[in-house]
Amino acid sequence: MTTTLIAIALIAWCIQIVFSWFQIRRFNQAFLAMKKGTYLGVGRSKGKRFMPRVLIAISLDENKVVIDSVIIKGITVFALPKTISQLHGLSVSKIIPKNIFPNDEASQSALTTALTANN
């Protein structure tokens, strides 16, 4: 019985590793497909255990206007990267994370980090 439980735990752990690799690969592909500007910022939320983590990448042009963005949010490895269309065309100075994500503190935190990481 103990051997069976250990085997099941090892199999589950290996499956988790494979799915995590696929998720990282999907995000990297979305990141590489972004329009390249003069600044690429990446921000990650500081989440607690069992709370959705958020990863946001933004691309700015030479005038500090958002030309592309990607967000990946979720607890599981099945979260998919999506575009944040309401950011496109906005100047960095006009972006207020609380207005973009009014009920999502994790996304607000990730967006703030992505905007200020290298400015």
C-alpha atoms as a PDB file:
ATOM      1  CA  MET A   1       0.000   0.000   0.000  1.00  0.00           C
ATOM      2  CA  THR A   2       2.777   2.455   0.913  1.00  0.00           C
ATOM      3  CA  THR A   3       4.654   1.644  -2.280  1.00  0.00           C
ATOM      4  CA  THR A   4       1.508   2.342  -4.322  1.00  0.00           C
ATOM      5  CA  LEU A   5       1.003   5.729  -2.652  1.00  0.00           C
ATOM      6  CA  ILE A   6       4.628   6.670  -3.252  1.00  0.00           C
ATOM      7  CA  ALA A   7       4.342   5.612  -6.901  1.00  0.00           C
ATOM      8  CA  ILE A   8       1.148   7.661  -7.361  1.00  0.00           C
ATOM      9  CA  ALA A   9       2.796  10.700  -5.748  1.00  0.00           C
ATOM     10  CA  LEU A  10       5.843  10.379  -8.029  1.00  0.00           C
ATOM     11  CA  ILE A  11       3.650  10.048 -11.121  1.00  0.00           C
ATOM     12  CA  ALA A  12       1.596  13.100 -10.094  1.00  0.00           C
ATOM     13  CA  TRP A  13       4.796  15.075  -9.475  1.00  0.00           C
ATOM     14  CA  CYS A  14       6.171  14.137 -12.915  1.00  0.00           C
ATOM     15  CA  ILE A  15       2.893  15.130 -14.580  1.00  0.00           C
ATOM     16  CA  GLN A  16       3.032  18.479 -12.756  1.00  0.00           C
ATOM     17  CA  ILE A  17       6.556  19.066 -14.053  1.00  0.00           C
ATOM     18  CA  VAL A  18       5.519  18.300 -17.641  1.00  0.00           C
ATOM     19  CA  PHE A  19       2.434  20.558 -17.488  1.00  0.00           C
ATOM     20  CA  SER A  20       4.485  23.368 -15.922  1.00  0.00           C
ATOM     21  CA  TRP A  21       6.990  23.073 -18.751  1.00  0.00           C
ATOM     22  CA  PHE A  22       4.136  23.393 -21.287  1.00  0.00           C
ATOM     23  CA  GLN A  23       2.801  26.472 -19.495  1.00  0.00           C
ATOM     24  CA  ILE A  24       6.199  28.166 -19.452  1.00  0.00           C
ATOM     25  CA  ARG A  25       6.639  27.301 -23.103  1.00  0.00           C
ATOM     26  CA  ARG A  26       3.239  28.846 -23.990  1.00  0.00           C
ATOM     27  CA  PHE A  27       4.115  32.061 -22.147  1.00  0.00           C
ATOM     28  CA  ASN A  28       7.553  32.240 -23.773  1.00  0.00           C
ATOM     29  CA  GLN A  29       5.991  31.809 -27.213  1.00  0.00           C
ATOM     30  CA  ALA A  30       3.475  34.579 -26.484  1.00  0.00           C
ATOM     31  CA  PHE A  31       6.292  36.781 -25.136  1.00  0.00           C
ATOM     32  CA  LEU A  32       8.456  36.205 -28.215  1.00  0.00           C
ATOM     33  CA  ALA A  33       5.489  36.918 -30.509  1.00  0.00           C
ATOM     34  CA  MET A  34       4.944  40.335 -28.931  1.00  0.00           C
ATOM     35  CA  LYS A  35       5.647  43.432 -30.968  1.00  0.00           C
ATOM     36  CA  LYS A  36       9.068  44.629 -29.925  1.00  0.00           C
ATOM     37  CA  GLY A  37       9.392  48.171 -28.696  1.00  0.00           C
ATOM     38  CA  THR A  38      12.096  50.029 -26.855  1.00  0.00           C
ATOM     39  CA  TYR A  39      11.018  48.527 -23.521  1.00  0.00           C
ATOM     40  CA  LEU A  40       9.736  45.097 -22.573  1.00  0.00           C
ATOM     41  CA  GLY A  41       8.542  44.918 -18.981  1.00  0.00           C
ATOM     42  CA  VAL A  42       7.556  41.805 -17.077  1.00  0.00           C
ATOM     43  CA  GLY A  43       5.753  41.860 -13.753  1.00  0.00           C
ATOM     44  CA  ARG A  44       4.669  39.083 -11.438  1.00  0.00           C
ATOM     45  CA  SER A  45       2.229  39.304  -8.587  1.00  0.00           C
ATOM     46  CA  LYS A  46       3.219  38.322  -5.108  1.00  0.00           C
ATOM     47  CA  GLY A  47       0.648  35.664  -4.429  1.00  0.00           C
ATOM     48  CA  LYS A  48      -0.132  33.495  -1.486  1.00  0.00           C
ATOM     49  CA  ARG A  49      -0.449  29.764  -1.652  1.00  0.00           C
ATOM     50  CA  PHE A  50      -3.601  28.651  -3.492  1.00  0.00           C
ATOM     51  CA  MET A  51      -4.215  32.165  -4.816  1.00  0.00           C
ATOM     52  CA  PRO A  52      -3.974  32.883  -8.547  1.00  0.00           C
ATOM     53  CA  ARG A  53      -0.580  34.200  -9.610  1.00  0.00           C
ATOM     54  CA  VAL A  54      -0.405  36.732 -12.396  1.00  0.00           C
ATOM     55  CA  LEU A  55       2.370  37.341 -14.907  1.00  0.00           C
ATOM     56  CA  ILE A  56       2.133  40.373 -17.204  1.00  0.00           C
ATOM     57  CA  ALA A  57       4.450  41.391 -20.027  1.00  0.00           C
ATOM     58  CA  ILE A  58       4.147  44.753 -21.794  1.00  0.00           C
ATOM     59  CA  SER A  59       5.948  46.284 -24.734  1.00  0.00           C
ATOM     60  CA  LEU A  60       6.351  50.055 -25.049  1.00  0.00           C
ATOM     61  CA  ASP A  61       7.413  52.120 -28.026  1.00  0.00           C
ATOM     62  CA  GLU A  62       9.868  55.047 -27.913  1.00  0.00           C
ATOM     63  CA  ASN A  63       7.065  57.379 -26.708  1.00  0.00           C
ATOM     64  CA  LYS A  64       6.256  55.056 -23.773  1.00  0.00           C
ATOM     65  CA  VAL A  65       2.962  53.962 -25.319  1.00  0.00           C
ATOM     66  CA  VAL A  66       1.852  50.342 -24.933  1.00  0.00           C
ATOM     67  CA  ILE A  67       2.042  48.525 -28.267  1.00  0.00           C
ATOM     68  CA  ASP A  68       1.527  44.961 -27.015  1.00  0.00           C
ATOM     69  CA  SER A  69       0.790  43.044 -23.831  1.00  0.00           C
ATOM     70  CA  VAL A  70       0.334  39.522 -22.480  1.00  0.00           C
ATOM     71  CA  ILE A  71      -1.212  38.288 -19.245  1.00  0.00           C
ATOM     72  CA  ILE A  72      -1.229  34.797 -17.802  1.00  0.00           C
ATOM     73  CA  LYS A  73      -3.262  34.251 -14.663  1.00  0.00           C
ATOM     74  CA  GLY A  74      -4.287  31.190 -12.757  1.00  0.00           C
ATOM     75  CA  ILE A  75      -3.717  28.628 -10.081  1.00  0.00           C
ATOM     76  CA  THR A  76      -3.270  25.659 -12.360  1.00  0.00           C
ATOM     77  CA  VAL A  77      -0.915  24.945 -15.222  1.00  0.00           C
ATOM     78  CA  PHE A  78      -3.849  25.226 -17.634  1.00  0.00           C
ATOM     79  CA  ALA A  79      -3.831  29.051 -17.578  1.00  0.00           C
ATOM     80  CA  LEU A  80      -3.344  30.463 -21.065  1.00  0.00           C
ATOM     81  CA  PRO A  81      -1.682  33.730 -22.115  1.00  0.00           C
ATOM     82  CA  LYS A  82      -4.098  36.449 -23.252  1.00  0.00           C
ATOM     83  CA  THR A  83      -3.774  39.992 -24.566  1.00  0.00           C
ATOM     84  CA  ILE A  84      -4.786  42.965 -22.398  1.00  0.00           C
ATOM     85  CA  SER A  85      -6.458  44.969 -25.159  1.00  0.00           C
ATOM     86  CA  GLN A  86      -7.518  47.882 -22.915  1.00  0.00           C
ATOM     87  CA  LEU A  87      -3.827  48.775 -22.411  1.00  0.00           C
ATOM     88  CA  HIS A  88      -2.950  49.088 -26.104  1.00  0.00           C
ATOM     89  CA  GLY A  89      -2.417  52.661 -27.194  1.00  0.00           C
ATOM     90  CA  LEU A  90      -2.236  54.036 -23.648  1.00  0.00           C
ATOM     91  CA  SER A  91       0.696  56.090 -22.447  1.00  0.00           C
ATOM     92  CA  VAL A  92       2.456  54.774 -19.335  1.00  0.00           C
ATOM     93  CA  SER A  93       1.580  57.967 -17.484  1.00  0.00           C
ATOM     94  CA  LYS A  94      -2.148  57.366 -18.105  1.00  0.00           C
ATOM     95  CA  ILE A  95      -2.221  53.748 -16.959  1.00  0.00           C
ATOM     96  CA  ILE A  96      -3.800  53.324 -13.534  1.00  0.00           C
ATOM     97  CA  PRO A  97      -3.707  49.637 -12.555  1.00  0.00           C
ATOM     98  CA  LYS A  98      -6.759  50.012 -10.280  1.00  0.00           C
ATOM     99  CA  ASN A  99      -8.804  51.189 -13.266  1.00  0.00           C
ATOM    100  CA  ILE A 100      -7.588  48.411 -15.563  1.00  0.00           C
ATOM    101  CA  PHE A 101      -8.161  45.636 -12.990  1.00  0.00           C
ATOM    102  CA  PRO A 102     -10.660  47.109 -10.474  1.00  0.00           C
ATOM    103  CA  ASN A 103     -11.293  43.915  -8.479  1.00  0.00           C
ATOM    104  CA  ASP A 104      -7.996  42.091  -8.929  1.00  0.00           C
ATOM    105  CA  GLU A 105      -5.130  43.107  -6.636  1.00  0.00           C
ATOM    106  CA  ALA A 106      -2.791  40.451  -8.017  1.00  0.00           C
ATOM    107  CA  SER A 107      -3.142  41.814 -11.569  1.00  0.00           C
ATOM    108  CA  GLN A 108      -2.725  45.378 -10.292  1.00  0.00           C
ATOM    109  CA  SER A 109       0.510  44.377  -8.560  1.00  0.00           C
ATOM    110  CA  ALA A 110       1.867  42.581 -11.640  1.00  0.00           C
ATOM    111  CA  LEU A 111       1.014  45.508 -13.933  1.00  0.00           C
ATOM    112  CA  THR A 112       2.666  48.001 -11.577  1.00  0.00           C
ATOM    113  CA  THR A 113       5.805  45.870 -11.486  1.00  0.00           C
ATOM    114  CA  ALA A 114       5.859  45.507 -15.284  1.00  0.00           C
ATOM    115  CA  LEU A 115       5.552  49.276 -15.722  1.00  0.00           C
ATOM    116  CA  THR A 116       8.204  50.226 -13.183  1.00  0.00           C
ATOM    117  CA  ALA A 117      10.700  47.373 -13.460  1.00  0.00           C
ATOM    118  CA  ASN A 118      13.186  49.246 -15.633  1.00  0.00           C
ATOM    119  CA  ASN A 119      12.086  52.900 -15.658  1.00  0.00           C
END
